């Protein structure tokens, strides 16, 4: 994906990006309380349901085969259930994937499963290896998100254990897993090791801890381009917060329960605490109608260049999807009433999806395509929309022509033709299906001019 992204940045290097207009496009429906969207590095999009089923979408359709059913292992309802799913970076080779669920006793379990030896569309239900179990004092604030970081280690989000106000101050207690972000090195035998650079490795504290001071981090992600870590942390009574930090920084304290967002909450046991990491962005319940932030991803796909660098997030109660740009400015994207959004996810190409309790899966698209013509006066392109042939006419005294390329919106080159040294050239596009494309023309000075091309 990084190679494709670099290539698209080169392709659009001289283009002027249009103001993106992100919208949600429904791509599937019929899921029951979906809480995870992820991929295994191929064309499938996997959906984990809170009740314990893992399914997947392929070629725009929900596959009728359930990939895995662990409903018999879990306690579900409220904030319990199957809460996390992630595939190993080398899944294509080893077939490992990891889940986070609350067991029948209400404890958090992190375990590994394998894909079936005989069917790539089915997991082996008997392959579970339990790696970590954490007791939960209450039924809520279980966290649940799992992600592999750019460093190849597995990161695990743990809530503060529940009730309200973190009554046992677990989030600030470095001998408890609760209210933490954990980091482990998964091994082939199903166990794990402690990375040497974990902040508390080799001490008497819980060695798995990477960061602390979290209330209920409901979804976190790494920016695939920069490595930045984004954590959305659900607030107590009023403030929802989003944190953005350098993903390589260990031992950060995000402040809960001393602070809710950037505001003091309970300072009774916060004496001597310094260097607290304050939110990158936050919003209040009263100003938005929200109650529970759902974290997302920074868009790094190739299909919509104008959305590059936007971080998307939402709120379970307000049904509003929003974005944060590179300057930290929040903007509302779209409201879909009744969705109760629970999670975002990426496909293997970095395109973004979102779902919620309605069971509908949406893709985040840019209806403006994200690119404006570099120069509307250098060439005339007609007809547009086109069918079998496209005429390219130079509007300068010299032809200025060198080469013509046509790319699909995923960046794949479909046509390459050297142009004649004349003022008019014709390009055969009869082999293109109906849809939107990018026409890239290089002039005699080597500059690229990019145009939206519609084929009907």
Protein backbone atom coordinates (compact mmCIF):
# COMPACT_ATOMS: atom_id res chain seq x y z
CA UNK A 1 0.00 0.00 0.00
CA UNK A 2 2.87 2.37 0.73
CA UNK A 3 4.19 1.84 -2.81
CA UNK A 4 0.79 2.65 -4.26
CA UNK A 5 0.45 5.74 -2.08
CA UNK A 6 3.89 7.01 -3.11
CA UNK A 7 2.98 6.43 -6.72
CA UNK A 8 -0.30 8.34 -6.43
CA UNK A 9 1.49 11.24 -4.76
CA UNK A 10 3.83 11.34 -7.77
CA UNK A 11 0.95 11.10 -10.20
CA UNK A 12 -0.93 13.95 -8.57
CA UNK A 13 2.22 15.86 -7.64
CA UNK A 14 1.39 18.86 -9.86
CA UNK A 15 -2.35 18.68 -9.36
CA UNK A 16 -4.42 21.02 -7.21
CA UNK A 17 -6.47 19.03 -4.73
CA UNK A 18 -10.11 20.02 -4.55
CA UNK A 19 -11.90 20.57 -1.27
CA UNK A 20 -13.07 17.06 -0.35
CA UNK A 21 -16.75 16.34 0.17
CA UNK A 22 -16.77 13.10 2.20
CA UNK A 23 -20.01 11.12 2.29
CA UNK A 24 -21.09 7.63 3.36
CA UNK A 25 -21.98 5.07 0.70
CA UNK A 26 -23.76 1.93 1.91
CA UNK A 27 -22.00 -1.22 0.71
CA UNK A 28 -23.56 -4.00 2.82
CA UNK A 29 -26.24 -4.62 5.41
CA UNK A 30 -27.69 -7.30 7.66
CA UNK A 31 -25.04 -7.50 10.39
CA UNK A 32 -25.95 -7.88 14.06
CA UNK A 33 -24.24 -5.36 16.38
CA UNK A 34 -20.97 -5.11 14.42
CA UNK A 35 -18.08 -3.72 16.48
CA UNK A 36 -14.97 -4.32 14.33
CA UNK A 37 -14.10 -3.82 10.65
CA UNK A 38 -10.69 -5.03 9.52
CA UNK A 39 -8.83 -6.87 6.76
CA UNK A 40 -6.46 -9.78 6.38
CA UNK A 41 -4.31 -8.20 3.68
CA UNK A 42 -6.48 -9.47 0.83
CA UNK A 43 -9.76 -8.53 -0.85
CA UNK A 44 -11.98 -9.52 2.07
CA UNK A 45 -13.39 -7.11 4.66
CA UNK A 46 -13.97 -8.85 8.00
CA UNK A 47 -16.76 -7.85 10.37
CA UNK A 48 -16.81 -8.92 14.03
CA UNK A 49 -20.20 -8.94 15.73
CA UNK A 50 -20.49 -8.30 19.47
CA UNK A 51 -22.38 -11.58 19.90
CA UNK A 52 -19.33 -13.61 18.88
CA UNK A 53 -19.51 -14.12 15.10
CA UNK A 54 -16.86 -13.08 12.58
CA UNK A 55 -18.04 -12.73 8.99
CA UNK A 56 -16.64 -11.11 5.89
CA UNK A 57 -17.56 -9.17 2.78
CA UNK A 58 -16.02 -10.04 -0.57
CA UNK A 59 -16.76 -8.41 -3.92
CA UNK A 60 -19.45 -6.30 -2.28
CA UNK A 61 -21.40 -9.25 -0.90
CA UNK A 62 -21.64 -10.71 2.59
CA UNK A 63 -20.14 -14.18 2.40
CA UNK A 64 -22.70 -16.73 3.67
CA UNK A 65 -19.99 -18.66 5.52
CA UNK A 66 -19.26 -17.58 9.08
CA UNK A 67 -15.49 -17.34 9.47
CA UNK A 68 -15.61 -18.05 13.22
CA UNK A 69 -18.27 -18.40 15.91
CA UNK A 70 -17.11 -17.99 19.51
CA UNK A 71 -20.52 -17.11 20.95
CA UNK A 72 -20.19 -20.00 23.41
CA UNK A 73 -17.04 -18.50 24.92
CA UNK A 74 -18.31 -15.02 25.69
CA UNK A 75 -20.60 -13.01 27.91
CA UNK A 76 -22.40 -10.49 25.75
CA UNK A 77 -24.71 -7.53 26.20
CA UNK A 78 -24.06 -3.99 27.34
CA UNK A 79 -20.35 -3.35 26.86
CA UNK A 80 -19.34 -7.03 26.92
CA UNK A 81 -18.86 -9.45 24.06
CA UNK A 82 -16.46 -9.96 21.20
CA UNK A 83 -14.79 -6.54 21.13
CA UNK A 84 -11.55 -6.85 19.17
CA UNK A 85 -10.15 -8.58 16.07
CA UNK A 86 -6.86 -8.14 14.26
CA UNK A 87 -4.92 -10.25 11.76
CA UNK A 88 -1.21 -10.90 12.11
CA UNK A 89 0.94 -8.82 9.70
CA UNK A 90 2.17 -12.16 8.24
CA UNK A 91 -1.31 -13.71 8.17
CA UNK A 92 -0.88 -14.86 4.57
CA UNK A 93 1.99 -17.05 5.78
CA UNK A 94 1.06 -18.11 9.31
CA UNK A 95 -2.76 -17.81 9.40
CA UNK A 96 -2.80 -16.22 12.88
CA UNK A 97 -5.41 -13.75 14.08
CA UNK A 98 -6.19 -12.36 17.52
CA UNK A 99 -9.41 -11.59 19.36
CA UNK A 100 -10.38 -9.64 22.47
CA UNK A 101 -13.55 -10.78 24.25
CA UNK A 102 -15.16 -10.94 27.69
CA UNK A 103 -15.53 -14.55 28.80
CA UNK A 104 -18.48 -16.11 30.61
CA UNK A 105 -17.07 -14.79 33.90
CA UNK A 106 -16.82 -11.26 32.52
CA UNK A 107 -13.01 -11.21 32.35
CA UNK A 108 -11.15 -9.85 29.33
CA UNK A 109 -9.43 -12.53 27.26
CA UNK A 110 -6.79 -11.96 24.57
CA UNK A 111 -6.32 -15.08 22.48
CA UNK A 112 -5.03 -16.33 19.16
CA UNK A 113 -6.80 -18.48 16.57
CA UNK A 114 -5.63 -20.03 13.29
CA UNK A 115 -7.30 -20.21 9.92
CA UNK A 116 -8.36 -23.70 8.84
CA UNK A 117 -5.72 -25.81 7.10
CA UNK A 118 -8.21 -26.77 4.40
CA UNK A 119 -10.46 -23.71 3.90
CA UNK A 120 -9.21 -20.11 3.80
CA UNK A 121 -12.74 -18.87 4.46
CA UNK A 122 -13.08 -20.67 7.80
CA UNK A 123 -11.13 -20.46 11.03
CA UNK A 124 -10.26 -23.50 13.13
CA UNK A 125 -12.52 -23.17 16.20
CA UNK A 126 -10.31 -25.56 18.19
CA UNK A 127 -7.10 -23.60 17.63
CA UNK A 128 -7.54 -21.03 20.40
CA UNK A 129 -4.51 -20.25 22.55
CA UNK A 130 -5.30 -17.88 25.43
CA UNK A 131 -2.49 -15.37 25.86
CA UNK A 132 -3.76 -13.03 28.57
CA UNK A 133 -6.74 -12.88 30.94
CA UNK A 134 -7.64 -9.76 32.94
CA UNK A 135 -10.32 -9.73 35.64
CA UNK A 136 -12.94 -6.99 35.32
CA UNK A 137 -14.47 -5.55 38.51
CA UNK A 138 -17.55 -4.21 36.66
CA UNK A 139 -19.32 -5.00 33.39
CA UNK A 140 -18.51 -1.77 31.55
CA UNK A 141 -15.35 -0.02 30.28
CA UNK A 142 -13.69 -3.09 28.78
CA UNK A 143 -11.87 -1.28 25.98
CA UNK A 144 -11.37 -4.05 23.42
CA UNK A 145 -9.46 -2.65 20.45
CA UNK A 146 -6.46 -4.57 19.07
CA UNK A 147 -3.95 -3.21 16.55
CA UNK A 148 -0.51 -4.16 15.31
CA UNK A 149 1.74 -1.12 15.36
CA UNK A 150 4.31 -0.11 12.74
CA UNK A 151 6.88 -1.79 15.02
CA UNK A 152 5.16 -5.17 14.58
CA UNK A 153 4.04 -5.39 18.20
CA UNK A 154 0.46 -6.03 19.32
CA UNK A 155 -1.24 -3.15 21.17
CA UNK A 156 -4.24 -3.81 23.45
CA UNK A 157 -6.68 -1.17 24.76
CA UNK A 158 -7.97 -1.72 28.29
CA UNK A 159 -10.68 0.35 29.95
CA UNK A 160 -10.51 1.41 33.61
CA UNK A 161 -12.67 -1.48 34.84
CA UNK A 162 -15.98 0.32 34.89
CA UNK A 163 -18.54 1.73 37.26
CA UNK A 164 -18.23 5.54 37.17
CA UNK A 165 -15.34 7.83 37.98
CA UNK A 166 -12.82 4.96 38.21
CA UNK A 167 -13.57 4.37 41.93
CA UNK A 168 -10.38 2.34 42.48
CA UNK A 169 -8.18 4.74 40.51
CA UNK A 170 -7.00 1.87 38.30
CA UNK A 171 -6.09 4.12 35.37
CA UNK A 172 -3.33 5.82 37.42
CA UNK A 173 -2.17 2.62 39.13
CA UNK A 174 0.85 1.07 37.44
CA UNK A 175 0.29 -2.34 38.99
CA UNK A 176 -3.03 -2.80 37.17
CA UNK A 177 -3.73 -3.53 33.50
CA UNK A 178 -6.92 -1.48 33.68
CA UNK A 179 -7.03 1.97 32.09
CA UNK A 180 -3.95 1.15 30.01
CA UNK A 181 -2.62 0.59 26.53
CA UNK A 182 -0.63 -2.65 26.56
CA UNK A 183 2.13 -3.65 24.12
CA UNK A 184 3.42 -7.20 23.60
CA UNK A 185 5.54 -9.17 21.14
CA UNK A 186 3.50 -12.14 19.94
CA UNK A 187 5.42 -15.38 19.36
CA UNK A 188 4.79 -18.34 17.07
CA UNK A 189 4.01 -20.71 19.94
CA UNK A 190 1.04 -18.58 21.05
CA UNK A 191 2.82 -16.94 23.97
CA UNK A 192 4.29 -13.46 24.03
CA UNK A 193 7.40 -11.59 25.11
CA UNK A 194 7.87 -8.11 26.56
CA UNK A 195 9.53 -5.69 24.10
CA UNK A 196 12.81 -4.46 25.58
CA UNK A 197 11.80 -0.82 25.11
CA UNK A 198 8.49 -1.10 26.96
CA UNK A 199 8.68 1.66 29.62
CA UNK A 200 8.34 -0.73 32.57
CA UNK A 201 10.14 -3.78 31.17
CA UNK A 202 12.24 -5.47 33.83
CA UNK A 203 10.63 -3.63 36.73
CA UNK A 204 8.20 -4.76 39.41
CA UNK A 205 5.31 -3.07 37.58
CA UNK A 206 3.14 -4.71 34.94
CA UNK A 207 5.64 -5.03 32.11
CA UNK A 208 3.04 -5.01 29.33
CA UNK A 209 2.06 -1.38 29.99
CA UNK A 210 2.85 1.07 27.19
CA UNK A 211 0.65 4.01 28.28
CA UNK A 212 -1.82 4.74 31.10
CA UNK A 213 -4.44 7.20 32.33
CA UNK A 214 -7.21 6.02 29.97
CA UNK A 215 -10.90 5.75 30.86
CA UNK A 216 -12.39 3.65 28.06
CA UNK A 217 -10.34 3.90 24.86
CA UNK A 218 -13.00 2.87 22.36
CA UNK A 219 -10.83 2.42 19.26
CA UNK A 220 -7.30 3.51 18.52
CA UNK A 221 -5.24 3.38 15.34
CA UNK A 222 -1.86 4.18 13.85
CA UNK A 223 -1.44 6.55 10.92
CA UNK A 224 0.08 4.27 8.27
CA UNK A 225 2.03 7.19 6.77
CA UNK A 226 3.45 8.88 9.88
CA UNK A 227 3.19 6.28 12.65
CA UNK A 228 1.20 8.68 14.83
CA UNK A 229 -1.01 7.01 17.41
CA UNK A 230 -4.62 8.22 17.66
CA UNK A 231 -6.70 7.22 20.71
CA UNK A 232 -10.35 8.13 21.23
CA UNK A 233 -11.16 8.01 24.95
CA UNK A 234 -14.78 8.03 26.10
CA UNK A 235 -15.56 10.72 28.69
CA UNK A 236 -17.35 10.54 32.03
CA UNK A 237 -20.04 13.21 32.17
CA UNK A 238 -19.24 15.88 29.63
CA UNK A 239 -16.03 15.72 27.58
CA UNK A 240 -15.07 13.30 24.80
CA UNK A 241 -11.39 13.37 23.90
CA UNK A 242 -9.16 12.42 20.97
CA UNK A 243 -5.45 11.99 21.52
CA UNK A 244 -2.75 12.17 18.86
CA UNK A 245 0.88 11.43 19.75
CA UNK A 246 4.11 10.18 18.25
CA UNK A 247 3.54 6.42 18.25
CA UNK A 248 7.07 5.74 19.44
CA UNK A 249 6.74 7.64 22.74
CA UNK A 250 6.51 5.26 25.73
CA UNK A 251 4.98 5.75 29.16
CA UNK A 252 2.57 8.59 28.36
CA UNK A 253 -0.09 9.44 30.95
CA UNK A 254 -3.38 10.53 29.35
CA UNK A 255 -4.68 11.93 32.63
CA UNK A 256 -7.81 10.02 33.67
CA UNK A 257 -9.18 10.18 36.41
CA UNK A 258 -7.32 13.35 37.33
CA UNK A 259 -8.68 14.95 34.17
CA UNK A 260 -11.67 14.49 31.93
CA UNK A 261 -10.38 15.94 28.68
CA UNK A 262 -8.33 18.99 29.68
CA UNK A 263 -10.53 19.73 32.74
CA UNK A 264 -9.84 18.62 36.30
CA UNK A 265 -12.14 15.76 37.37
CA UNK A 266 -10.85 14.09 40.54
CA UNK A 267 -7.48 15.33 41.81
CA UNK A 268 -7.67 13.57 45.19
CA UNK A 269 -4.85 11.15 44.36
CA UNK A 270 -3.06 13.19 41.71
CA UNK A 271 -0.38 14.83 43.80
CA UNK A 272 3.00 14.77 42.10
CA UNK A 273 1.58 13.83 38.69
CA UNK A 274 3.25 15.92 35.99
CA UNK A 275 3.61 15.84 32.24
CA UNK A 276 0.09 14.66 31.54
CA UNK A 277 -0.71 14.34 27.84
CA UNK A 278 -3.68 16.57 27.04
CA UNK A 279 -6.16 15.86 24.21
CA UNK A 280 -5.38 16.82 20.64
CA UNK A 281 -9.10 17.55 20.20
CA UNK A 282 -12.20 17.34 22.37
CA UNK A 283 -15.90 18.17 22.38
CA UNK A 284 -18.63 18.37 25.01
CA UNK A 285 -21.91 16.52 25.23
CA UNK A 286 -23.89 19.74 25.50
CA UNK A 287 -22.51 21.26 22.30
CA UNK A 288 -22.81 18.18 20.08
CA UNK A 289 -25.45 15.87 21.54
CA UNK A 290 -22.76 13.21 21.80
CA UNK A 291 -22.04 10.86 24.68
CA UNK A 292 -19.41 8.33 23.58
CA UNK A 293 -16.65 8.95 21.06
CA UNK A 294 -15.73 6.25 18.53
CA UNK A 295 -12.22 6.59 17.16
CA UNK A 296 -11.31 6.00 13.54
CA UNK A 297 -8.40 6.29 11.15
CA UNK A 298 -6.38 8.80 9.18
CA UNK A 299 -7.27 8.33 5.52
CA UNK A 300 -4.28 7.03 3.54
CA UNK A 301 -6.06 5.29 0.69
CA UNK A 302 -5.39 6.02 -2.98
CA UNK A 303 -8.90 6.44 -4.29
CA UNK A 304 -9.65 9.91 -2.90
CA UNK A 305 -6.54 12.12 -2.85
CA UNK A 306 -8.43 15.08 -1.41
CA UNK A 307 -9.10 13.18 1.83
CA UNK A 308 -5.41 12.47 2.44
CA UNK A 309 -4.47 13.21 6.05
CA UNK A 310 -8.04 13.57 7.37
CA UNK A 311 -8.75 11.69 10.60
CA UNK A 312 -12.31 10.42 10.84
CA UNK A 313 -14.22 9.81 14.08
CA UNK A 314 -17.83 9.63 15.24
CA UNK A 315 -20.06 9.46 18.32
CA UNK A 316 -22.38 6.62 19.32
CA UNK A 317 -25.16 8.95 20.46
CA UNK A 318 -25.09 11.84 18.01
CA UNK A 319 -24.78 9.66 14.86
CA UNK A 320 -22.50 12.37 13.48
CA UNK A 321 -19.36 11.42 11.51
CA UNK A 322 -16.66 14.09 11.71
CA UNK A 323 -13.13 14.70 10.52
CA UNK A 324 -10.01 16.43 11.85
CA UNK A 325 -7.63 17.96 9.32
CA UNK A 326 -3.87 18.37 9.56
CA UNK A 327 -4.33 21.70 11.37
CA UNK A 328 -6.49 20.11 14.06
CA UNK A 329 -9.74 21.63 12.76
CA UNK A 330 -12.84 19.50 13.29
CA UNK A 331 -15.60 19.41 10.65
CA UNK A 332 -18.89 17.56 10.47
CA UNK A 333 -19.06 15.08 7.59
CA UNK A 334 -22.50 13.45 7.70
CA UNK A 335 -25.25 12.43 10.12
CA UNK A 336 -27.01 9.08 9.69
CA UNK A 337 -29.81 8.85 12.24
CA UNK A 338 -30.26 5.57 14.05
CA UNK A 339 -26.80 4.25 13.17
CA UNK A 340 -25.23 4.35 16.65
CA UNK A 341 -21.79 4.08 15.05
CA UNK A 342 -19.43 1.68 16.79
CA UNK A 343 -16.35 1.30 14.61
CA UNK A 344 -14.32 2.29 11.57
CA UNK A 345 -12.06 0.02 9.58
CA UNK A 346 -9.70 -0.18 6.64
CA UNK A 347 -9.55 -2.54 3.69
CA UNK A 348 -6.22 -3.78 2.34
CA UNK A 349 -5.90 -0.66 0.14
CA UNK A 350 -6.47 1.79 2.99
CA UNK A 351 -10.03 2.72 2.03
CA UNK A 352 -12.22 3.49 5.04
CA UNK A 353 -15.49 1.97 6.23
CA UNK A 354 -17.83 2.59 9.16
CA UNK A 355 -20.66 0.67 10.80
CA UNK A 356 -22.89 0.68 13.84
CA UNK A 357 -25.78 -1.01 15.59
CA UNK A 358 -28.00 -0.60 12.53
CA UNK A 359 -25.97 -3.37 10.88
CA UNK A 360 -25.23 -1.32 7.77
CA UNK A 361 -21.66 -1.07 6.43
CA UNK A 362 -20.73 2.22 4.77
CA UNK A 363 -17.70 3.22 2.74
CA UNK A 364 -16.37 6.77 3.20
CA UNK A 365 -16.10 8.34 -0.25
CA UNK A 366 -15.22 11.76 -1.62
CA UNK A 367 -17.92 12.83 -4.06
CA UNK A 368 -15.60 15.58 -5.31
CA UNK A 369 -13.01 12.92 -6.27
CA UNK A 370 -10.37 15.02 -4.58
CA UNK A 371 -8.61 16.41 -7.65
CA UNK A 372 -9.07 19.48 -9.82
CA UNK A 373 -7.62 19.93 -13.29
CA UNK A 374 -4.09 21.32 -13.09
CA UNK A 375 -4.60 23.47 -16.18
CA UNK A 376 -7.86 23.84 -18.08
CA UNK A 377 -6.23 25.98 -20.77
CA UNK A 378 -3.25 23.88 -21.85
CA UNK A 379 -5.36 21.20 -23.55
CA UNK A 380 -8.93 20.65 -24.66
CA UNK A 381 -10.31 17.20 -23.87
CA UNK A 382 -13.51 16.14 -25.61
CA UNK A 383 -16.00 14.62 -25.50
CA UNK A 384 -16.16 14.24 -21.74
CA UNK A 385 -18.06 12.04 -20.87
CA UNK A 386 -16.61 9.90 -23.65
CA UNK A 387 -17.36 6.50 -25.13
CA UNK A 388 -14.94 4.89 -27.62
CA UNK A 389 -12.53 7.70 -28.47
CA UNK A 390 -11.17 10.80 -26.77
CA UNK A 391 -9.79 13.82 -28.61
CA UNK A 392 -6.85 15.70 -27.07
CA UNK A 393 -6.21 19.12 -28.60
CA UNK A 394 -3.36 21.47 -27.72
CA UNK A 395 -4.34 25.08 -27.10
CA UNK A 396 -0.79 26.37 -27.59
CA UNK A 397 1.22 27.17 -30.73
CA UNK A 398 3.30 24.02 -30.34
CA UNK A 399 1.67 20.67 -29.77
CA UNK A 400 3.20 20.28 -26.29
CA UNK A 401 2.30 16.60 -26.37
CA UNK A 402 4.51 13.82 -25.03
CA UNK A 403 2.56 10.99 -23.39
CA UNK A 404 -0.99 10.18 -22.30
CA UNK A 405 -1.92 7.88 -19.42
CA UNK A 406 -5.29 6.74 -18.08
CA UNK A 407 -5.56 5.48 -14.49
CA UNK A 408 -8.49 4.09 -12.56
CA UNK A 409 -9.36 5.78 -9.27
CA UNK A 410 -7.30 3.20 -7.40
CA UNK A 411 -4.16 4.31 -9.25
CA UNK A 412 -3.83 1.37 -11.66
CA UNK A 413 -2.48 2.35 -15.09
CA UNK A 414 -4.86 1.20 -17.81
CA UNK A 415 -3.60 3.05 -20.90
CA UNK A 416 -0.23 4.48 -21.91
CA UNK A 417 0.24 6.07 -25.34
CA UNK A 418 2.98 8.18 -26.85
CA UNK A 419 1.36 11.21 -28.50
CA UNK A 420 2.15 12.53 -31.95
CA UNK A 421 3.77 15.94 -32.48
CA UNK A 422 0.55 17.43 -33.81
CA UNK A 423 -2.07 19.73 -32.31
CA UNK A 424 -4.72 17.00 -32.24
CA UNK A 425 -4.42 13.40 -31.02
CA UNK A 426 -7.02 10.68 -30.62
CA UNK A 427 -6.99 8.19 -27.75
CA UNK A 428 -8.78 4.84 -28.03
CA UNK A 429 -10.68 4.21 -24.78
CA UNK A 430 -13.12 1.58 -26.08
CA UNK A 431 -11.77 -0.97 -23.59
CA UNK A 432 -12.71 1.08 -20.52
CA UNK A 433 -15.82 0.29 -18.52
CA UNK A 434 -18.26 3.00 -17.54
CA UNK A 435 -16.96 5.06 -14.64
CA UNK A 436 -14.55 7.74 -13.50
CA UNK A 437 -10.85 7.83 -14.39
CA UNK A 438 -7.84 10.14 -14.27
CA UNK A 439 -6.33 11.24 -17.59
CA UNK A 440 -2.70 12.34 -17.10
CA UNK A 441 -0.92 14.19 -19.94
CA UNK A 442 2.78 14.98 -19.93
CA UNK A 443 3.87 17.99 -21.94
CA UNK A 444 7.17 18.58 -23.72
CA UNK A 445 8.66 20.03 -20.51
CA UNK A 446 7.80 16.96 -18.46
CA UNK A 447 4.96 18.53 -16.47
CA UNK A 448 1.86 16.47 -15.72
CA UNK A 449 -1.65 17.81 -16.34
CA UNK A 450 -4.44 15.80 -14.73
CA UNK A 451 -8.08 15.67 -15.73
CA UNK A 452 -11.17 13.90 -14.51
CA UNK A 453 -12.39 11.61 -17.27
CA UNK A 454 -15.88 10.15 -17.34
CA UNK A 455 -16.59 7.15 -19.54
CA UNK A 456 -20.18 6.28 -20.32
